[in-house]
């Protein structure tokens, strides 16, 4: 089924711990740097900017910036779990909206790629 035909469903999104390195196997880590509420089409899109680092692997080392997009904010900080806020969001399912938001994020944040939930 094409993504454009899937109905929107609200989900609970746990906010990341900003500045905390999360190990990726034995080769590196990623760190969520900041959360942003991006105004778009009369709504707000939540996205998180982070940095991935590959410290030691057979293929070399490197780092890159990324953004993850949980979705449009429905309700902000509605709960907590493990000391982290939970917000209610609805994923961006429309391909043209995803393309627009991806362009905006890359322009604003200079990220290497954008991932949508």
Protein backbone atom coordinates (compact mmCIF):
# COMPACT_ATOMS: atom_id res chain seq x y z
CA UNK A 1 0.00 0.00 0.00
CA UNK A 2 1.53 3.40 -0.97
CA UNK A 3 2.36 5.62 1.97
CA UNK A 4 -0.04 8.34 0.70
CA UNK A 5 -3.01 6.02 1.21
CA UNK A 6 -2.22 5.15 4.84
CA UNK A 7 -4.46 6.94 7.36
CA UNK A 8 -2.87 9.24 9.91
CA UNK A 9 -2.59 7.82 13.40
CA UNK A 10 -1.40 9.77 16.41
CA UNK A 11 1.54 8.24 18.26
CA UNK A 12 3.32 8.91 21.52
CA UNK A 13 6.85 10.15 20.86
CA UNK A 14 9.46 10.02 23.62
CA UNK A 15 11.82 13.00 23.51
CA UNK A 16 15.53 12.14 23.40
CA UNK A 17 18.06 13.01 26.07
CA UNK A 18 19.91 15.87 24.43
CA UNK A 19 23.69 15.71 24.60
CA UNK A 20 23.81 12.06 25.69
CA UNK A 21 26.01 9.75 23.60
CA UNK A 22 24.23 6.50 22.69
CA UNK A 23 26.62 3.67 21.70
CA UNK A 24 26.15 2.02 18.31
CA UNK A 25 27.63 -1.45 18.71
CA UNK A 26 31.39 -1.25 19.09
CA UNK A 27 32.07 1.21 16.28
CA UNK A 28 30.68 4.55 17.46
CA UNK A 29 27.77 6.51 18.87
CA UNK A 30 25.05 9.01 18.08
CA UNK A 31 24.00 12.08 20.04
CA UNK A 32 20.75 14.04 19.85
CA UNK A 33 21.81 17.68 19.76
CA UNK A 34 18.56 19.67 19.70
CA UNK A 35 14.81 19.54 19.20
CA UNK A 36 13.07 21.99 16.92
CA UNK A 37 9.43 22.95 16.46
CA UNK A 38 9.19 23.96 12.80
CA UNK A 39 6.14 25.99 11.70
CA UNK A 40 4.75 24.42 8.51
CA UNK A 41 1.34 24.83 6.81
CA UNK A 42 -0.26 26.28 9.95
CA UNK A 43 1.02 23.44 12.15
CA UNK A 44 4.28 22.56 13.88
CA UNK A 45 6.59 19.74 12.87
CA UNK A 46 8.83 18.24 15.54
CA UNK A 47 12.31 17.27 14.42
CA UNK A 48 15.47 16.27 16.24
CA UNK A 49 18.97 17.06 15.00
CA UNK A 50 21.73 14.67 15.92
CA UNK A 51 25.26 13.64 15.10
CA UNK A 52 26.47 10.12 14.35
CA UNK A 53 30.12 9.24 14.84
CA UNK A 54 31.90 6.17 13.51
CA UNK A 55 35.03 5.94 15.66
CA UNK A 56 36.48 2.56 14.85
CA UNK A 57 35.56 0.20 12.08
CA UNK A 58 37.22 -1.78 9.37
CA UNK A 59 35.97 0.79 6.85
CA UNK A 60 37.37 3.92 8.52
CA UNK A 61 35.96 6.71 10.63
CA UNK A 62 33.59 9.61 10.06
CA UNK A 63 30.70 11.66 11.34
CA UNK A 64 27.54 13.20 9.94
CA UNK A 65 24.54 15.26 10.98
CA UNK A 66 21.05 13.85 10.65
CA UNK A 67 17.50 14.82 11.52
CA UNK A 68 14.62 12.60 12.57
CA UNK A 69 11.03 13.75 12.18
CA UNK A 70 8.51 12.14 14.53
CA UNK A 71 5.70 14.21 12.98
CA UNK A 72 3.25 17.05 13.41
CA UNK A 73 2.84 18.04 17.06
CA UNK A 74 -0.67 17.31 18.34
CA UNK A 75 -0.05 17.72 22.09
CA UNK A 76 3.27 18.84 23.64
CA UNK A 77 4.78 17.26 26.78
CA UNK A 78 1.66 15.33 27.76
CA UNK A 79 3.46 12.82 29.99
CA UNK A 80 6.86 11.61 31.17
CA UNK A 81 8.53 8.22 31.03
CA UNK A 82 11.96 7.41 32.47
CA UNK A 83 12.41 11.13 33.16
CA UNK A 84 11.83 12.04 29.50
CA UNK A 85 8.89 13.95 28.09
CA UNK A 86 6.30 12.32 25.84
CA UNK A 87 4.47 14.30 23.16
CA UNK A 88 1.65 13.21 20.89
CA UNK A 89 2.45 13.52 17.18
CA UNK A 90 1.05 12.37 13.87
CA UNK A 91 3.53 11.22 11.22
CA UNK A 92 4.00 13.12 7.98
CA UNK A 93 2.65 10.68 5.41
CA UNK A 94 2.17 12.91 2.38
CA UNK A 95 5.19 12.65 0.06
CA UNK A 96 5.09 16.32 -1.03
CA UNK A 97 4.96 17.48 2.60
CA UNK A 98 7.90 15.20 3.41
CA UNK A 99 9.89 16.63 0.50
CA UNK A 100 9.14 20.23 1.57
CA UNK A 101 10.00 19.56 5.22
CA UNK A 102 13.16 17.70 4.24
CA UNK A 103 14.33 20.66 2.12
CA UNK A 104 13.58 23.12 4.95
CA UNK A 105 15.48 21.05 7.51
CA UNK A 106 18.51 20.51 5.27
CA UNK A 107 18.64 24.25 4.49
CA UNK A 108 18.32 25.23 8.17
CA UNK A 109 20.50 22.57 9.76
CA UNK A 110 22.89 21.48 6.99
CA UNK A 111 22.09 17.84 7.78
CA UNK A 112 23.29 14.99 5.61
CA UNK A 113 19.90 13.26 5.63
CA UNK A 114 16.40 13.37 7.15
CA UNK A 115 14.50 10.33 8.46
CA UNK A 116 10.71 10.31 8.92
CA UNK A 117 8.86 8.14 11.46
